[in-house]
């Protein structure tokens, strides 16, 4: 089925939330709202050291009279920095300064401003130099071909992380970008990490790595609580490619927690609404980050990544940047994935900013739900408009029931083979045993951020909307 049903089309036209009235979200139909208890704000938001750095920097510049030297650094780096555009930076600054939220404590209120200050005044000058050093020291990376990259797609909480983790273990064929390579897409830094790893292996047998893993230095957030079980965030593991945009621009859904205002929800979710020049700039940043990884350690392998937040317009641009890309879409029952996804968004915001925006701000939650409806509609549109020679659509339940069989089906799609008895073949068999011990995410009463009725009435049922790529009745998978 390659068109939206009338039900889905009507869902797409729902009014976007603008205000609150008598405790009810205006624009949200009666009977579809969910009463959710608030979560107390973190009294000392994460990364409040930025406030100390802000004060210390101002004092140091004044005390040592560094105004002219600092101005020279900014004059040389700011005009050529390849990250967020200045138009986008000013939008964030305006939100941080002129759009205070009356329900947020002062320290949490200022967090977005100080994080913006940290990026613009501390990180951008240093990282701009690192970015152009790569062009000077390793110009050959720009000739690296990204041939038929494989992107794993689906709505969040659809099993894409499990599938990516599994496929990335086939190290002979696939090369994935690690989270630290997304955060630091600089060959000088990455080669330094490689050198440190070699020293650790040679002289300490890898105990240095084990130590920094144990004390949490490889985790981007505190590895405690429910978020850890739902969504890993470790620098040494593959992650989803949209985090490149979160790390280096401001057009990403995670920025809503830093700038919790209704105007910013649509902006942070609206990659397709950016000017064309800005979209091209950001996609070029993504392309070069991939090129650097493949240049350094690709060894002719296929690039593999998951990209579940790309329904904001990034995947439309990806079709132009990577015209020969292969896409695997994993589809899960919306009632199972959506409630878990709403909960995770709140947990991520809380760990990043000390404010669970999904539980504390009903107007933001409703707007985010509206944006997620658009993600679902975009997925249907994407699958309908993508050639089947480049697209494979799989059911989450099929993967869970028999991972090896679905992976073999994927490899047939890629014209690849899995050797019986090979390392990856044994990994597949072991993964099948592990999957039976997998536990579903618990959704407690206080986490009921969206009702089943709302999901049924407003979201397209992807299991009915999409045409699936099923194996033949007697498939002859290329296992040899």
Protein backbone atom coordinates (compact mmCIF):
# COMPACT_ATOMS: atom_id res chain seq x y z
CA UNK A 1 0.00 0.00 0.00
CA UNK A 2 1.71 3.22 -1.13
CA UNK A 3 -0.58 6.03 -0.13
CA UNK A 4 -1.90 7.50 3.08
CA UNK A 5 -5.34 6.47 4.18
CA UNK A 6 -8.01 9.07 4.82
CA UNK A 7 -7.51 8.42 8.53
CA UNK A 8 -3.83 9.33 8.27
CA UNK A 9 -4.49 12.39 6.15
CA UNK A 10 -6.89 13.73 8.75
CA UNK A 11 -4.33 13.12 11.49
CA UNK A 12 -1.82 15.22 9.58
CA UNK A 13 -4.14 18.22 9.68
CA UNK A 14 -4.57 18.37 13.43
CA UNK A 15 -4.05 21.78 14.95
CA UNK A 16 -0.69 22.52 16.50
CA UNK A 17 -0.75 23.51 20.17
CA UNK A 18 -0.23 27.19 20.93
CA UNK A 19 -1.54 27.89 24.44
CA UNK A 20 -2.91 26.43 27.64
CA UNK A 21 -6.42 27.23 28.76
CA UNK A 22 -7.96 26.17 32.09
CA UNK A 23 -5.31 23.48 32.45
CA UNK A 24 -6.19 21.98 29.06
CA UNK A 25 -4.04 22.02 25.97
CA UNK A 26 -5.73 24.05 23.25
CA UNK A 27 -5.67 22.14 19.98
CA UNK A 28 -5.71 18.73 21.61
CA UNK A 29 -9.09 17.03 21.16
CA UNK A 30 -11.16 16.27 24.23
CA UNK A 31 -10.66 12.81 25.64
CA UNK A 32 -7.15 12.49 24.22
CA UNK A 33 -5.24 14.37 26.88
CA UNK A 34 -3.26 12.58 29.52
CA UNK A 35 -2.84 13.88 33.06
CA UNK A 36 0.79 13.39 34.02
CA UNK A 37 2.37 14.16 37.42
CA UNK A 38 5.27 16.60 37.27
CA UNK A 39 8.82 15.52 38.00
CA UNK A 40 10.79 17.77 40.38
CA UNK A 41 13.51 19.81 38.71
CA UNK A 42 17.10 18.84 39.32
CA UNK A 43 18.23 21.52 41.85
CA UNK A 44 21.72 21.67 40.34
CA UNK A 45 21.33 21.01 36.62
CA UNK A 46 23.95 18.89 34.85
CA UNK A 47 27.06 20.66 33.55
CA UNK A 48 26.58 23.73 35.70
CA UNK A 49 30.37 24.04 35.58
CA UNK A 50 29.61 26.14 32.50
CA UNK A 51 28.36 28.88 34.82
CA UNK A 52 31.68 28.78 36.66
CA UNK A 53 33.59 28.86 33.38
CA UNK A 54 31.56 31.83 32.23
CA UNK A 55 32.41 33.85 35.34
CA UNK A 56 36.04 32.68 35.39
CA UNK A 57 36.56 33.54 31.72
CA UNK A 58 35.22 37.06 32.08
CA UNK A 59 37.42 37.63 35.13
CA UNK A 60 40.56 36.14 33.48
CA UNK A 61 40.15 38.20 30.32
CA UNK A 62 39.69 41.34 32.39
CA UNK A 63 42.55 40.62 34.83
CA UNK A 64 45.14 39.70 32.17
CA UNK A 65 43.83 42.24 29.64
CA UNK A 66 43.28 39.62 26.94
CA UNK A 67 40.53 41.43 25.09
CA UNK A 68 42.54 42.12 21.93
CA UNK A 69 44.06 38.61 21.72
CA UNK A 70 40.71 36.94 22.29
CA UNK A 71 39.06 39.18 19.72
CA UNK A 72 41.70 38.14 17.16
CA UNK A 73 40.94 34.43 17.79
CA UNK A 74 37.24 35.02 17.22
CA UNK A 75 37.82 37.19 14.13
CA UNK A 76 39.88 34.38 12.56
CA UNK A 77 37.63 31.43 13.48
CA UNK A 78 34.02 32.60 13.74
CA UNK A 79 33.54 33.63 10.07
CA UNK A 80 34.71 30.21 8.81
CA UNK A 81 33.32 27.86 11.47
CA UNK A 82 31.51 25.00 9.65
CA UNK A 83 28.94 24.23 12.33
CA UNK A 84 25.70 26.03 13.23
CA UNK A 85 24.94 29.09 11.13
CA UNK A 86 24.96 32.46 12.86
CA UNK A 87 21.29 32.89 12.04
CA UNK A 88 20.58 29.71 14.00
CA UNK A 89 22.81 30.81 16.90
CA UNK A 90 20.94 34.11 17.18
CA UNK A 91 17.59 32.28 17.21
CA UNK A 92 18.84 30.19 20.16
CA UNK A 93 20.21 33.28 21.91
CA UNK A 94 16.93 35.12 21.48
CA UNK A 95 15.02 32.19 22.96
CA UNK A 96 17.40 31.92 25.93
CA UNK A 97 17.25 35.66 26.72
CA UNK A 98 13.76 36.79 25.76
CA UNK A 99 11.59 33.69 26.28
CA UNK A 100 11.86 32.75 29.96
CA UNK A 101 9.52 30.02 31.17
CA UNK A 102 7.70 31.05 34.33
CA UNK A 103 7.53 27.49 35.71
CA UNK A 104 11.28 26.77 35.51
CA UNK A 105 13.71 27.59 38.37
CA UNK A 106 16.37 30.20 37.65
CA UNK A 107 19.35 27.84 37.34
CA UNK A 108 17.48 25.57 34.94
CA UNK A 109 16.23 28.66 33.11
CA UNK A 110 19.75 29.90 32.36
CA UNK A 111 21.12 26.52 31.31
CA UNK A 112 20.45 27.03 27.62
CA UNK A 113 22.24 30.38 27.64
CA UNK A 114 25.36 29.07 29.33
CA UNK A 115 25.49 26.02 27.08
CA UNK A 116 25.23 28.32 24.06
CA UNK A 117 28.05 30.47 25.49
CA UNK A 118 30.15 27.33 26.05
CA UNK A 119 29.75 26.18 22.44
CA UNK A 120 30.26 29.54 20.74
CA UNK A 121 33.05 31.01 22.85
CA UNK A 122 34.94 27.86 23.93
CA UNK A 123 34.27 25.02 21.50
CA UNK A 124 33.77 26.67 18.13
CA UNK A 125 37.19 28.39 17.95
CA UNK A 126 39.03 25.21 18.97
CA UNK A 127 36.96 22.84 16.85
CA UNK A 128 37.09 25.13 13.81
CA UNK A 129 40.90 24.90 13.92
CA UNK A 130 40.71 21.11 14.29
CA UNK A 131 38.28 20.88 11.37
CA UNK A 132 40.55 22.73 8.94
CA UNK A 133 43.67 21.01 10.23
CA UNK A 134 42.23 17.80 8.77
CA UNK A 135 42.00 19.45 5.34
CA UNK A 136 45.63 20.52 5.63
CA UNK A 137 47.14 17.36 7.17
CA UNK A 138 44.93 14.69 5.58
CA UNK A 139 43.55 16.17 2.33
CA UNK A 140 43.18 12.68 0.82
CA UNK A 141 40.17 11.90 3.02
CA UNK A 142 38.05 14.14 0.80
CA UNK A 143 38.48 11.63 -2.05
CA UNK A 144 37.06 8.76 0.02
CA UNK A 145 34.04 7.24 -1.71
CA UNK A 146 30.89 6.51 0.29
CA UNK A 147 29.57 3.63 -1.78
CA UNK A 148 26.08 2.25 -1.16
CA UNK A 149 25.86 3.18 2.53
CA UNK A 150 23.33 1.20 4.55
CA UNK A 151 20.97 3.22 6.74
CA UNK A 152 18.74 1.53 9.31
CA UNK A 153 15.50 3.48 9.68
CA UNK A 154 12.36 3.30 11.76
CA UNK A 155 10.59 5.23 14.46
CA UNK A 156 12.51 5.47 17.75
CA UNK A 157 12.15 2.39 20.00
CA UNK A 158 11.62 0.10 17.01
CA UNK A 159 14.61 -2.18 17.51
CA UNK A 160 17.06 -0.26 15.31
CA UNK A 161 19.73 -0.03 18.02
CA UNK A 162 19.71 -3.79 18.54
CA UNK A 163 19.87 -4.39 14.79
CA UNK A 164 22.69 -1.88 14.25
CA UNK A 165 24.71 -3.30 17.14
CA UNK A 166 24.35 -6.77 15.67
CA UNK A 167 25.26 -5.83 12.09
CA UNK A 168 28.23 -3.73 13.21
CA UNK A 169 29.75 -6.92 14.64
CA UNK A 170 30.27 -8.11 11.08
CA UNK A 171 33.50 -6.12 11.03
CA UNK A 172 34.65 -7.60 7.72
CA UNK A 173 31.81 -5.92 5.83
CA UNK A 174 30.49 -2.98 7.85
CA UNK A 175 31.98 0.16 9.33
CA UNK A 176 29.90 2.29 11.72
CA UNK A 177 30.61 5.69 13.22
CA UNK A 178 31.18 5.58 16.96
CA UNK A 179 29.63 8.23 19.17
CA UNK A 180 32.98 9.87 19.93
CA UNK A 181 33.62 10.13 16.17
CA UNK A 182 30.30 11.97 15.82
CA UNK A 183 31.17 14.30 18.68
CA UNK A 184 34.75 14.80 17.48
CA UNK A 185 34.81 14.42 13.68
CA UNK A 186 38.47 15.41 13.52
CA UNK A 187 41.13 13.04 12.25
CA UNK A 188 43.75 14.58 14.52
CA UNK A 189 41.66 13.64 17.57
CA UNK A 190 40.71 10.22 16.20
CA UNK A 191 44.29 9.26 15.35
CA UNK A 192 45.32 10.39 18.85
CA UNK A 193 42.68 8.05 20.32
CA UNK A 194 43.95 5.22 18.10
CA UNK A 195 47.51 5.82 19.34
CA UNK A 196 46.39 5.84 22.98
CA UNK A 197 44.51 2.56 22.43
CA UNK A 198 47.59 0.91 20.93
CA UNK A 199 49.73 2.01 23.88
CA UNK A 200 47.10 0.73 26.30
CA UNK A 201 46.94 -2.65 24.56
CA UNK A 202 50.70 -2.99 24.28
CA UNK A 203 51.75 -1.96 27.78
CA UNK A 204 48.64 -2.50 29.92
CA UNK A 205 46.68 -5.20 28.11
CA UNK A 206 43.64 -2.96 27.70
CA UNK A 207 43.30 -2.22 31.43
CA UNK A 208 43.35 1.54 30.77
CA UNK A 209 40.23 1.19 28.63
CA UNK A 210 38.57 -0.98 31.27
CA UNK A 211 39.34 1.63 33.93
CA UNK A 212 37.87 4.62 32.08
CA UNK A 213 34.84 2.49 31.19
CA UNK A 214 34.37 1.54 34.84
CA UNK A 215 34.51 5.12 36.13
CA UNK A 216 32.05 6.31 33.48
CA UNK A 217 34.29 8.48 31.29
CA UNK A 218 33.03 6.73 28.16
CA UNK A 219 29.41 7.67 28.90
CA UNK A 220 28.02 10.94 27.60
CA UNK A 221 25.45 10.97 30.45
CA UNK A 222 25.33 9.51 33.93
CA UNK A 223 24.80 5.77 33.47
CA UNK A 224 22.15 5.36 36.16
CA UNK A 225 18.38 5.04 36.23
CA UNK A 226 15.91 3.95 33.58
CA UNK A 227 17.46 5.93 30.73
CA UNK A 228 20.52 3.67 30.79
CA UNK A 229 18.36 0.58 30.22
CA UNK A 230 16.32 2.23 27.47
CA UNK A 231 18.97 4.11 25.49
CA UNK A 232 22.72 3.61 25.72
CA UNK A 233 24.97 6.63 25.11
CA UNK A 234 28.59 5.51 25.10
CA UNK A 235 31.42 7.13 23.19
CA UNK A 236 32.95 3.78 22.23
CA UNK A 237 29.82 2.31 20.61
CA UNK A 238 28.00 2.96 17.30
CA UNK A 239 25.09 5.37 17.51
CA UNK A 240 22.54 7.06 15.30
CA UNK A 241 23.77 9.52 12.71
CA UNK A 242 21.36 12.30 13.64
CA UNK A 243 23.55 12.89 16.71
CA UNK A 244 26.06 14.52 14.35
CA UNK A 245 23.49 17.29 13.96
CA UNK A 246 22.83 17.47 17.70
CA UNK A 247 26.54 17.79 18.49
CA UNK A 248 27.29 20.49 15.93
CA UNK A 249 24.07 22.33 15.08
CA UNK A 250 20.90 23.30 16.94
CA UNK A 251 18.32 21.67 14.69
CA UNK A 252 17.67 18.51 16.69
CA UNK A 253 14.82 17.47 18.97
CA UNK A 254 17.12 17.16 22.01
CA UNK A 255 17.67 20.94 22.04
CA UNK A 256 14.06 21.48 23.13
CA UNK A 257 15.15 20.64 26.68
CA UNK A 258 17.73 23.44 26.62
CA UNK A 259 15.30 26.01 25.19
CA UNK A 260 11.88 24.87 26.49
CA UNK A 261 9.58 27.19 24.59
CA UNK A 262 6.78 26.36 22.16
CA UNK A 263 8.43 28.34 19.36
CA UNK A 264 11.54 26.21 19.66
CA UNK A 265 9.76 22.83 19.41
CA UNK A 266 8.90 23.37 15.77
CA UNK A 267 12.30 24.87 15.02
CA UNK A 268 14.29 22.08 16.65
CA UNK A 269 12.22 19.46 14.81
CA UNK A 270 12.16 21.28 11.46
CA UNK A 271 15.26 20.43 9.44
CA UNK A 272 13.18 20.65 6.26
CA UNK A 273 12.20 24.23 7.19
CA UNK A 274 15.80 25.47 7.21
CA UNK A 275 17.05 27.52 4.24
CA UNK A 276 18.42 25.35 1.44
CA UNK A 277 21.97 26.66 1.94
CA UNK A 278 21.82 25.71 5.62
CA UNK A 279 20.54 22.21 4.87
CA UNK A 280 23.35 21.68 2.35
CA UNK A 281 25.90 22.98 4.86
CA UNK A 282 24.77 20.55 7.54
CA UNK A 283 24.60 17.58 5.18
CA UNK A 284 28.13 18.39 4.00
CA UNK A 285 29.22 18.26 7.65
CA UNK A 286 27.63 14.81 7.92
CA UNK A 287 29.19 13.58 4.67
CA UNK A 288 32.68 14.67 5.68
CA UNK A 289 32.32 13.04 9.10
CA UNK A 290 31.58 9.74 7.33
CA UNK A 291 34.43 10.23 4.88
CA UNK A 292 36.90 10.69 7.73
CA UNK A 293 35.82 7.48 9.43
CA UNK A 294 36.01 5.48 6.20
CA UNK A 295 39.37 7.04 5.32
CA UNK A 296 40.85 6.16 8.70
CA UNK A 297 39.45 2.67 9.24
CA UNK A 298 36.99 1.81 6.49
CA UNK A 299 39.27 -0.54 4.53
CA UNK A 300 36.77 -0.81 1.69
CA UNK A 301 33.84 -1.73 3.93
CA UNK A 302 30.27 -0.50 3.58
CA UNK A 303 29.22 2.37 5.85
CA UNK A 304 26.44 1.31 8.26
CA UNK A 305 24.37 3.58 10.47
CA UNK A 306 20.96 3.97 12.02
CA UNK A 307 19.09 7.22 11.48
CA UNK A 308 15.79 7.18 13.36
CA UNK A 309 15.34 10.92 13.90
CA UNK A 310 15.88 11.74 10.25
CA UNK A 311 12.16 12.03 9.52
CA UNK A 312 12.46 15.78 10.18
CA UNK A 313 13.73 16.27 6.61
CA UNK A 314 17.26 14.91 6.92
CA UNK A 315 16.44 11.70 5.07
CA UNK A 316 15.03 13.67 2.14
CA UNK A 317 18.39 15.41 1.86
CA UNK A 318 20.22 12.10 2.37
CA UNK A 319 18.63 10.76 -0.83
CA UNK A 320 20.37 13.56 -2.72
CA UNK A 321 23.72 13.31 -0.96
CA UNK A 322 23.85 9.49 -1.04
CA UNK A 323 21.92 8.55 -4.23
CA UNK A 324 22.96 4.88 -4.13
CA UNK A 325 22.19 4.36 -0.42
CA UNK A 326 20.35 1.26 0.79
CA UNK A 327 17.61 1.63 3.42
CA UNK A 328 16.25 -0.91 5.85
CA UNK A 329 13.08 0.22 7.62
CA UNK A 330 12.05 -1.62 10.79
CA UNK A 331 8.38 -1.27 11.71
CA UNK A 332 6.97 -1.88 15.18
CA UNK A 333 3.44 -1.74 16.58
CA UNK A 334 2.94 2.00 17.40
CA UNK A 335 1.34 1.26 20.78
CA UNK A 336 4.52 -0.54 21.84
CA UNK A 337 7.05 1.99 20.54
CA UNK A 338 5.36 5.36 21.06
CA UNK A 339 4.72 5.24 24.79
CA UNK A 340 8.26 4.08 25.37
CA UNK A 341 9.58 6.83 23.08
CA UNK A 342 7.63 9.57 24.88
CA UNK A 343 9.05 8.39 28.18
CA UNK A 344 12.59 8.30 26.85
CA UNK A 345 12.39 11.86 25.51
CA UNK A 346 11.55 13.07 29.00
CA UNK A 347 14.35 11.05 30.59
CA UNK A 348 16.90 12.36 28.09
CA UNK A 349 15.81 15.95 28.68
CA UNK A 350 16.03 15.44 32.45
CA UNK A 351 19.56 14.05 32.30
CA UNK A 352 20.69 16.78 29.93
CA UNK A 353 19.06 19.78 31.60
CA UNK A 354 17.47 18.72 34.90
CA UNK A 355 13.98 19.29 33.46
CA UNK A 356 11.68 16.49 32.26
CA UNK A 357 9.90 18.53 29.60
CA UNK A 358 7.48 15.70 28.77
CA UNK A 359 6.08 15.59 32.30
CA UNK A 360 6.51 19.20 33.41
CA UNK A 361 5.25 21.10 30.34
CA UNK A 362 1.98 19.81 28.81
CA UNK A 363 2.08 22.41 26.03
CA UNK A 364 5.53 21.25 24.93
CA UNK A 365 4.53 17.61 25.20
CA UNK A 366 1.53 18.16 22.94
CA UNK A 367 3.62 19.96 20.33
CA UNK A 368 6.19 17.17 20.42
CA UNK A 369 3.39 14.62 19.90
CA UNK A 370 2.25 16.63 16.88
CA UNK A 371 5.77 16.56 15.48
CA UNK A 372 5.95 12.81 16.01
CA UNK A 373 2.73 12.39 14.05
CA UNK A 374 4.54 14.08 11.18
CA UNK A 375 7.47 11.67 11.60
CA UNK A 376 5.08 8.73 11.11
CA UNK A 377 3.55 10.31 8.04
CA UNK A 378 7.01 11.04 6.67
CA UNK A 379 7.98 7.40 7.09
CA UNK A 380 5.00 6.28 5.01
CA UNK A 381 5.82 8.87 2.35
CA UNK A 382 9.51 7.89 2.32
CA UNK A 383 8.74 4.20 1.84
CA UNK A 384 6.25 4.91 -0.91
CA UNK A 385 8.68 7.12 -2.83
CA UNK A 386 11.81 4.96 -2.51
CA UNK A 387 12.65 2.32 -5.11
CA UNK A 388 12.33 -1.23 -3.82
CA UNK A 389 15.79 -2.04 -5.11
CA UNK A 390 17.09 0.34 -2.45
CA UNK A 391 14.50 -0.36 0.26
CA UNK A 392 13.79 -3.26 2.58
CA UNK A 393 10.88 -3.08 5.04
CA UNK A 394 10.92 -5.52 7.96
CA UNK A 395 8.63 -6.19 10.90
CA UNK A 396 10.07 -5.84 14.38
CA UNK A 397 8.23 -8.99 15.47
CA UNK A 398 9.85 -11.03 12.69
CA UNK A 399 13.29 -9.86 13.81
CA UNK A 400 12.61 -10.69 17.44
CA UNK A 401 11.24 -14.14 16.60
CA UNK A 402 14.12 -15.15 14.34
CA UNK A 403 17.03 -12.74 14.08
CA UNK A 404 19.33 -15.00 11.99
CA UNK A 405 16.65 -15.55 9.33
CA UNK A 406 15.92 -11.81 8.98
CA UNK A 407 19.63 -10.95 8.82
CA UNK A 408 20.10 -13.52 6.07
CA UNK A 409 17.21 -11.89 4.24
CA UNK A 410 18.94 -8.52 4.61
CA UNK A 411 22.22 -9.92 3.32
CA UNK A 412 20.44 -11.32 0.27
CA UNK A 413 19.06 -7.82 -0.33
CA UNK A 414 22.66 -6.53 -0.24
CA UNK A 415 23.94 -9.38 -2.47
CA UNK A 416 26.15 -10.60 0.36
CA UNK A 417 26.65 -13.99 1.97
CA UNK A 418 27.04 -15.35 5.49
CA UNK A 419 29.41 -18.28 5.72
CA UNK A 420 28.23 -21.12 7.93
CA UNK A 421 30.57 -21.46 10.88
CA UNK A 422 31.99 -17.95 10.41
CA UNK A 423 32.48 -15.59 13.35
CA UNK A 424 29.43 -13.52 12.41
CA UNK A 425 27.31 -16.65 11.86
CA UNK A 426 28.02 -17.72 15.44
CA UNK A 427 27.26 -14.20 16.66
CA UNK A 428 23.84 -14.46 15.00
CA UNK A 429 23.06 -17.72 16.73
CA UNK A 430 24.11 -16.32 20.08
CA UNK A 431 22.01 -13.19 19.53
CA UNK A 432 18.94 -15.36 18.95
CA UNK A 433 19.43 -16.95 22.37
CA UNK A 434 20.02 -13.53 24.01
CA UNK A 435 16.91 -11.99 22.45
CA UNK A 436 14.61 -14.39 24.29
CA UNK A 437 15.85 -12.84 27.55
CA UNK A 438 15.09 -9.29 26.44
CA UNK A 439 12.73 -7.38 28.76
CA UNK A 440 10.24 -4.80 27.56
CA UNK A 441 10.33 -1.26 28.93
CA UNK A 442 7.91 -0.76 31.81
CA UNK A 443 5.52 2.15 31.46
CA UNK A 444 4.35 3.23 34.92
CA UNK A 445 1.27 5.34 35.57
CA UNK A 446 3.34 8.53 35.93
CA UNK A 447 4.98 7.80 32.57
CA UNK A 448 1.71 7.44 30.65
CA UNK A 449 2.44 10.45 28.42
CA UNK A 450 0.16 9.39 25.59
CA UNK A 451 -2.90 7.15 25.68
CA UNK A 452 -3.56 4.14 23.48
CA UNK A 453 -6.69 5.88 22.21
CA UNK A 454 -4.64 8.85 21.07
CA UNK A 455 -2.19 6.58 19.28
CA UNK A 456 -5.01 4.73 17.49
CA UNK A 457 -6.84 7.86 16.39
CA UNK A 458 -4.00 10.25 15.49
CA UNK A 459 -1.04 8.16 14.33
CA UNK A 460 -0.85 6.16 11.10
CA UNK A 461 -0.74 2.44 11.79
CA UNK A 462 2.50 1.65 10.01
CA UNK A 463 1.80 -2.08 10.09
CA UNK A 464 -1.19 -1.42 7.82
CA UNK A 465 0.14 1.55 5.83
CA UNK A 466 3.39 0.00 4.59
CA UNK A 467 4.16 -2.81 2.17
CA UNK A 468 6.58 -5.27 3.74
CA UNK A 469 9.44 -7.16 2.14
CA UNK A 470 8.62 -10.75 3.08
CA UNK A 471 10.78 -13.78 2.39
CA UNK A 472 9.49 -16.23 -0.21
CA UNK A 473 7.63 -19.27 1.09
CA UNK A 474 10.72 -21.37 0.56
CA UNK A 475 13.56 -18.84 0.57
CA UNK A 476 16.97 -19.94 -0.61
CA UNK A 477 19.07 -17.66 1.55
CA UNK A 478 22.73 -17.44 0.58
CA UNK A 479 24.19 -19.29 3.56
CA UNK A 480 27.10 -21.43 2.48
